[in-house]
């Protein structure tokens, strides 16, 4: 599974989650940490990533353009990186199902 962490999430998540999300990357590693959401959206679509974000803008893009890319929208407010790591671990099976569900483009977690 290819996850693309948005700029509002820590790049440390890549190392913390590599045992279960080995193909994850972060926009900063792709030199897109200051890129427009539309640019990130297009990159994710082109390279088949699922965007992981705390930003509602990707929800809006999904409504406007449809999917792919799929979006995991973390609705947990201001929290520690360890809280986000735990959430993504706890919902691993749900995320796997979401990846293969042809009728779902947005997964809300929180």
N, C-alpha and C. Protein backbone atom coordinates (compact mmCIF):
# COMPACT_ATOMS: atom_id res chain seq x y z
N UNK A 1 0.85 -1.17 0.00
CA UNK A 1 0.00 0.00 0.00
C UNK A 1 0.90 1.24 0.00
N UNK A 2 0.56 2.18 -0.85
CA UNK A 2 1.34 3.40 -1.00
C UNK A 2 0.62 4.56 -0.34
N UNK A 3 1.17 5.03 0.79
CA UNK A 3 0.61 6.17 1.49
C UNK A 3 1.48 7.39 1.25
N UNK A 4 0.83 8.53 1.06
CA UNK A 4 1.51 9.80 0.91
C UNK A 4 1.05 10.71 2.04
N UNK A 5 1.96 10.97 3.00
CA UNK A 5 1.63 11.82 4.14
C UNK A 5 1.73 13.28 3.74
N UNK A 6 0.69 14.02 4.06
CA UNK A 6 0.61 15.45 3.77
C UNK A 6 1.54 16.23 4.70
N UNK A 7 1.76 17.49 4.35
CA UNK A 7 2.69 18.33 5.12
C UNK A 7 2.27 18.55 6.56
N UNK A 8 0.99 18.38 6.89
CA UNK A 8 0.52 18.60 8.25
C UNK A 8 0.76 17.38 9.16
N UNK A 9 1.42 16.37 8.64
CA UNK A 9 1.78 15.17 9.41
C UNK A 9 3.31 15.05 9.43
N UNK A 10 3.81 14.46 10.48
CA UNK A 10 5.25 14.35 10.65
C UNK A 10 5.87 13.34 9.68
N UNK A 11 7.00 13.69 9.07
CA UNK A 11 7.72 12.72 8.24
C UNK A 11 8.23 11.52 9.05
N UNK A 12 8.31 11.67 10.38
CA UNK A 12 8.75 10.56 11.23
C UNK A 12 7.79 9.37 11.15
N UNK A 13 6.57 9.59 10.69
CA UNK A 13 5.61 8.49 10.56
C UNK A 13 6.10 7.41 9.61
N UNK A 14 6.89 7.80 8.64
CA UNK A 14 7.40 6.83 7.66
C UNK A 14 8.21 5.74 8.37
N UNK A 15 9.17 6.14 9.18
CA UNK A 15 9.99 5.17 9.91
C UNK A 15 9.18 4.43 10.97
N UNK A 16 8.30 5.13 11.64
CA UNK A 16 7.52 4.52 12.71
C UNK A 16 6.55 3.46 12.20
N UNK A 17 6.13 3.60 10.94
CA UNK A 17 5.11 2.69 10.39
C UNK A 17 5.63 1.79 9.27
N UNK A 18 6.94 1.80 9.05
CA UNK A 18 7.48 1.05 7.91
C UNK A 18 7.23 -0.45 7.98
N UNK A 19 6.98 -0.97 9.17
CA UNK A 19 6.72 -2.41 9.30
C UNK A 19 5.37 -2.81 8.69
N UNK A 20 4.42 -1.88 8.63
CA UNK A 20 3.12 -2.22 8.04
C UNK A 20 2.77 -1.39 6.80
N UNK A 21 3.37 -0.21 6.68
CA UNK A 21 3.15 0.64 5.51
C UNK A 21 4.52 0.92 4.88
N UNK A 22 5.08 -0.09 4.28
CA UNK A 22 6.47 0.00 3.80
C UNK A 22 6.64 0.92 2.59
N UNK A 23 5.57 1.22 1.89
CA UNK A 23 5.66 2.08 0.71
C UNK A 23 5.14 3.48 0.98
N UNK A 24 5.26 3.94 2.20
CA UNK A 24 4.81 5.29 2.55
C UNK A 24 5.92 6.30 2.27
N UNK A 25 5.50 7.51 1.96
CA UNK A 25 6.43 8.62 1.80
C UNK A 25 5.76 9.88 2.32
N UNK A 26 6.49 10.96 2.31
CA UNK A 26 6.00 12.24 2.82
C UNK A 26 6.24 13.30 1.76
N UNK A 27 5.35 14.28 1.68
CA UNK A 27 5.49 15.31 0.66
C UNK A 27 6.83 16.03 0.75
N UNK A 28 7.38 16.17 1.96
CA UNK A 28 8.67 16.85 2.10
C UNK A 28 9.81 16.07 1.44
N UNK A 29 9.72 14.75 1.46
CA UNK A 29 10.75 13.93 0.81
C UNK A 29 10.66 14.01 -0.71
N UNK A 30 9.52 14.43 -1.19
CA UNK A 30 9.30 14.59 -2.63
C UNK A 30 9.46 16.05 -3.05
N UNK A 31 9.95 16.86 -2.11
CA UNK A 31 10.12 18.30 -2.32
C UNK A 31 8.82 18.98 -2.70
N UNK A 32 7.73 18.52 -2.07
CA UNK A 32 6.41 19.11 -2.32
C UNK A 32 5.79 19.65 -1.03
N UNK A 33 6.61 19.94 -0.02
CA UNK A 33 6.05 20.40 1.24
C UNK A 33 5.41 21.78 1.14
N UNK A 34 5.71 22.52 0.10
CA UNK A 34 5.07 23.82 -0.11
C UNK A 34 4.18 23.82 -1.36
N UNK A 35 3.97 22.64 -1.90
CA UNK A 35 3.16 22.51 -3.13
C UNK A 35 1.69 22.76 -2.85
N UNK A 36 0.99 23.19 -3.85
CA UNK A 36 -0.46 23.35 -3.76
C UNK A 36 -1.11 21.98 -3.60
N UNK A 37 -2.25 21.96 -2.96
CA UNK A 37 -2.98 20.70 -2.78
C UNK A 37 -3.26 20.03 -4.11
N UNK A 38 -3.57 20.80 -5.13
CA UNK A 38 -3.86 20.24 -6.45
C UNK A 38 -2.64 19.51 -7.02
N UNK A 39 -1.45 20.03 -6.76
CA UNK A 39 -0.22 19.40 -7.23
C UNK A 39 0.00 18.06 -6.52
N UNK A 40 -0.23 18.06 -5.21
CA UNK A 40 -0.11 16.82 -4.43
C UNK A 40 -1.15 15.81 -4.91
N UNK A 41 -2.35 16.28 -5.15
CA UNK A 41 -3.46 15.45 -5.64
C UNK A 41 -3.06 14.76 -6.95
N UNK A 42 -2.54 15.54 -7.87
CA UNK A 42 -2.14 15.00 -9.18
C UNK A 42 -0.99 14.00 -9.04
N UNK A 43 -0.03 14.29 -8.19
CA UNK A 43 1.07 13.36 -7.96
C UNK A 43 0.54 12.04 -7.41
N UNK A 44 -0.33 12.13 -6.41
CA UNK A 44 -0.90 10.91 -5.80
C UNK A 44 -1.68 10.11 -6.83
N UNK A 45 -2.41 10.80 -7.67
CA UNK A 45 -3.19 10.11 -8.71
C UNK A 45 -2.26 9.43 -9.72
N UNK A 46 -1.25 10.14 -10.16
CA UNK A 46 -0.31 9.62 -11.16
C UNK A 46 0.46 8.41 -10.65
N UNK A 47 0.88 8.46 -9.39
CA UNK A 47 1.73 7.41 -8.84
C UNK A 47 1.00 6.47 -7.89
N UNK A 48 -0.32 6.54 -7.90
CA UNK A 48 -1.20 5.60 -7.18
C UNK A 48 -0.97 5.57 -5.67
N UNK A 49 -0.90 6.77 -5.08
CA UNK A 49 -0.79 6.89 -3.63
C UNK A 49 -2.16 7.17 -3.02
N UNK A 50 -2.32 6.79 -1.78
CA UNK A 50 -3.45 7.21 -0.96
C UNK A 50 -2.93 8.37 -0.12
N UNK A 51 -3.60 9.50 -0.17
CA UNK A 51 -3.19 10.67 0.59
C UNK A 51 -3.68 10.53 2.03
N UNK A 52 -2.78 10.76 2.98
CA UNK A 52 -3.14 10.77 4.40
C UNK A 52 -2.97 12.20 4.88
N UNK A 53 -4.02 12.78 5.43
CA UNK A 53 -4.00 14.20 5.75
C UNK A 53 -4.90 14.52 6.93
N UNK A 54 -4.70 15.70 7.49
CA UNK A 54 -5.61 16.25 8.48
C UNK A 54 -6.35 17.45 7.86
N UNK A 55 -6.15 17.64 6.58
CA UNK A 55 -6.63 18.80 5.84
C UNK A 55 -7.94 18.49 5.11
N UNK A 56 -8.96 19.28 5.34
CA UNK A 56 -10.26 19.07 4.68
C UNK A 56 -10.21 19.38 3.19
N UNK A 57 -9.17 20.08 2.74
CA UNK A 57 -9.10 20.45 1.31
C UNK A 57 -9.07 19.23 0.40
N UNK A 58 -8.44 18.14 0.85
CA UNK A 58 -8.40 16.95 0.01
C UNK A 58 -9.77 16.27 -0.06
N UNK A 59 -10.57 16.42 0.96
CA UNK A 59 -11.96 15.96 0.90
C UNK A 59 -12.70 16.74 -0.19
N UNK A 60 -12.49 18.05 -0.21
CA UNK A 60 -13.13 18.89 -1.22
C UNK A 60 -12.69 18.51 -2.63
N UNK A 61 -11.40 18.24 -2.80
CA UNK A 61 -10.90 17.83 -4.12
C UNK A 61 -11.51 16.50 -4.54
N UNK A 62 -11.69 15.62 -3.59
CA UNK A 62 -12.29 14.32 -3.90
C UNK A 62 -13.74 14.48 -4.34
N UNK A 63 -14.45 15.35 -3.68
CA UNK A 63 -15.84 15.62 -4.07
C UNK A 63 -15.88 16.25 -5.46
N UNK A 64 -14.97 17.16 -5.72
CA UNK A 64 -14.93 17.87 -7.00
C UNK A 64 -14.49 16.98 -8.16
N UNK A 65 -13.43 16.19 -7.94
CA UNK A 65 -12.83 15.42 -9.04
C UNK A 65 -13.09 13.92 -8.99
N UNK A 66 -13.62 13.43 -7.87
CA UNK A 66 -13.76 11.99 -7.72
C UNK A 66 -12.43 11.37 -7.33
N UNK A 67 -12.37 10.08 -7.41
CA UNK A 67 -11.13 9.39 -7.05
C UNK A 67 -10.81 8.36 -8.11
N UNK A 68 -9.57 7.95 -8.26
CA UNK A 68 -8.42 8.18 -7.41
C UNK A 68 -7.90 9.61 -7.53
N UNK A 69 -7.04 10.00 -6.59
CA UNK A 69 -6.53 9.22 -5.48
C UNK A 69 -7.53 9.14 -4.34
N UNK A 70 -7.35 8.15 -3.53
CA UNK A 70 -8.16 8.01 -2.33
C UNK A 70 -7.53 8.87 -1.23
N UNK A 71 -8.36 9.20 -0.23
CA UNK A 71 -7.91 10.08 0.84
C UNK A 71 -8.28 9.47 2.19
N UNK A 72 -7.31 9.42 3.08
CA UNK A 72 -7.57 9.08 4.48
C UNK A 72 -7.50 10.40 5.24
N UNK A 73 -8.66 10.82 5.75
CA UNK A 73 -8.77 12.11 6.42
C UNK A 73 -8.78 11.87 7.92
N UNK A 74 -7.71 12.28 8.58
CA UNK A 74 -7.58 12.09 10.02
C UNK A 74 -8.24 13.28 10.73
N UNK A 75 -9.29 12.99 11.45
CA UNK A 75 -10.03 14.04 12.14
C UNK A 75 -9.80 13.92 13.64
N UNK A 76 -8.56 14.19 14.04
CA UNK A 76 -8.21 14.02 15.45
C UNK A 76 -7.63 15.28 16.07
N UNK A 77 -7.67 16.38 15.36
CA UNK A 77 -7.20 17.64 15.93
C UNK A 77 -5.71 17.63 16.20
N UNK A 78 -5.29 18.53 17.05
CA UNK A 78 -3.88 18.68 17.39
C UNK A 78 -3.48 17.55 18.33
N UNK A 79 -2.49 16.76 17.93
CA UNK A 79 -2.09 15.62 18.75
C UNK A 79 -0.65 15.25 18.44
N UNK A 80 -0.12 14.34 19.22
CA UNK A 80 1.26 13.88 19.03
C UNK A 80 1.36 12.91 17.86
N UNK A 81 2.55 12.83 17.31
CA UNK A 81 2.81 11.88 16.22
C UNK A 81 2.52 10.45 16.67
N UNK A 82 2.80 10.16 17.92
CA UNK A 82 2.52 8.81 18.44
C UNK A 82 1.02 8.49 18.41
N UNK A 83 0.17 9.50 18.58
CA UNK A 83 -1.28 9.29 18.50
C UNK A 83 -1.70 8.94 17.08
N UNK A 84 -1.09 9.60 16.12
CA UNK A 84 -1.40 9.32 14.72
C UNK A 84 -0.89 7.93 14.35
N UNK A 85 0.30 7.61 14.82
CA UNK A 85 0.84 6.27 14.58
C UNK A 85 -0.10 5.21 15.13
N UNK A 86 -0.56 5.38 16.34
CA UNK A 86 -1.47 4.42 16.96
C UNK A 86 -2.77 4.30 16.16
N UNK A 87 -3.31 5.42 15.72
CA UNK A 87 -4.54 5.40 14.93
C UNK A 87 -4.35 4.60 13.64
N UNK A 88 -3.26 4.85 12.95
CA UNK A 88 -3.01 4.14 11.68
C UNK A 88 -2.72 2.66 11.90
N UNK A 89 -2.15 2.32 13.03
CA UNK A 89 -1.96 0.91 13.37
C UNK A 89 -3.28 0.25 13.75
N UNK A 90 -4.05 0.92 14.59
CA UNK A 90 -5.32 0.36 15.06
C UNK A 90 -6.30 0.12 13.92
N UNK A 91 -6.24 0.95 12.89
CA UNK A 91 -7.18 0.85 11.78
C UNK A 91 -6.56 0.21 10.54
N UNK A 92 -5.49 -0.51 10.72
CA UNK A 92 -4.79 -1.13 9.58
C UNK A 92 -5.74 -1.97 8.71
N UNK A 93 -6.52 -2.84 9.32
CA UNK A 93 -7.43 -3.71 8.54
C UNK A 93 -8.47 -2.88 7.80
N UNK A 94 -8.98 -1.84 8.43
CA UNK A 94 -9.96 -0.96 7.80
C UNK A 94 -9.33 -0.25 6.61
N UNK A 95 -8.09 0.17 6.77
CA UNK A 95 -7.38 0.87 5.69
C UNK A 95 -7.13 -0.08 4.51
N UNK A 96 -6.80 -1.31 4.80
CA UNK A 96 -6.62 -2.32 3.74
C UNK A 96 -7.93 -2.50 2.97
N UNK A 97 -9.02 -2.65 3.68
CA UNK A 97 -10.33 -2.79 3.02
C UNK A 97 -10.65 -1.57 2.18
N UNK A 98 -10.36 -0.39 2.71
CA UNK A 98 -10.60 0.86 1.99
C UNK A 98 -9.80 0.91 0.69
N UNK A 99 -8.55 0.48 0.76
CA UNK A 99 -7.70 0.50 -0.43
C UNK A 99 -8.33 -0.27 -1.59
N UNK A 100 -8.96 -1.39 -1.29
CA UNK A 100 -9.51 -2.25 -2.34
C UNK A 100 -11.00 -2.05 -2.61
N UNK A 101 -11.63 -1.15 -1.89
CA UNK A 101 -13.05 -0.88 -2.09
C UNK A 101 -13.23 0.06 -3.28
N UNK A 102 -13.81 -0.41 -4.38
CA UNK A 102 -13.93 0.42 -5.56
C UNK A 102 -14.97 1.53 -5.43
N UNK A 103 -15.76 1.50 -4.36
CA UNK A 103 -16.82 2.49 -4.19
C UNK A 103 -16.51 3.56 -3.15
N UNK A 104 -15.33 3.51 -2.54
CA UNK A 104 -14.98 4.47 -1.50
C UNK A 104 -13.77 5.28 -1.89
N UNK A 105 -13.87 6.60 -1.71
CA UNK A 105 -12.75 7.48 -2.03
C UNK A 105 -12.20 8.21 -0.83
N UNK A 106 -12.99 8.27 0.24
CA UNK A 106 -12.56 8.98 1.45
C UNK A 106 -12.82 8.09 2.66
N UNK A 107 -11.82 8.00 3.51
CA UNK A 107 -11.94 7.27 4.76
C UNK A 107 -11.69 8.25 5.89
N UNK A 108 -12.68 8.42 6.75
CA UNK A 108 -12.56 9.31 7.90
C UNK A 108 -12.12 8.51 9.10
N UNK A 109 -11.04 8.93 9.73
CA UNK A 109 -10.56 8.28 10.94
C UNK A 109 -10.41 9.33 12.03
N UNK A 110 -10.80 8.97 13.22
CA UNK A 110 -10.61 9.93 14.32
C UNK A 110 -11.24 9.45 15.59
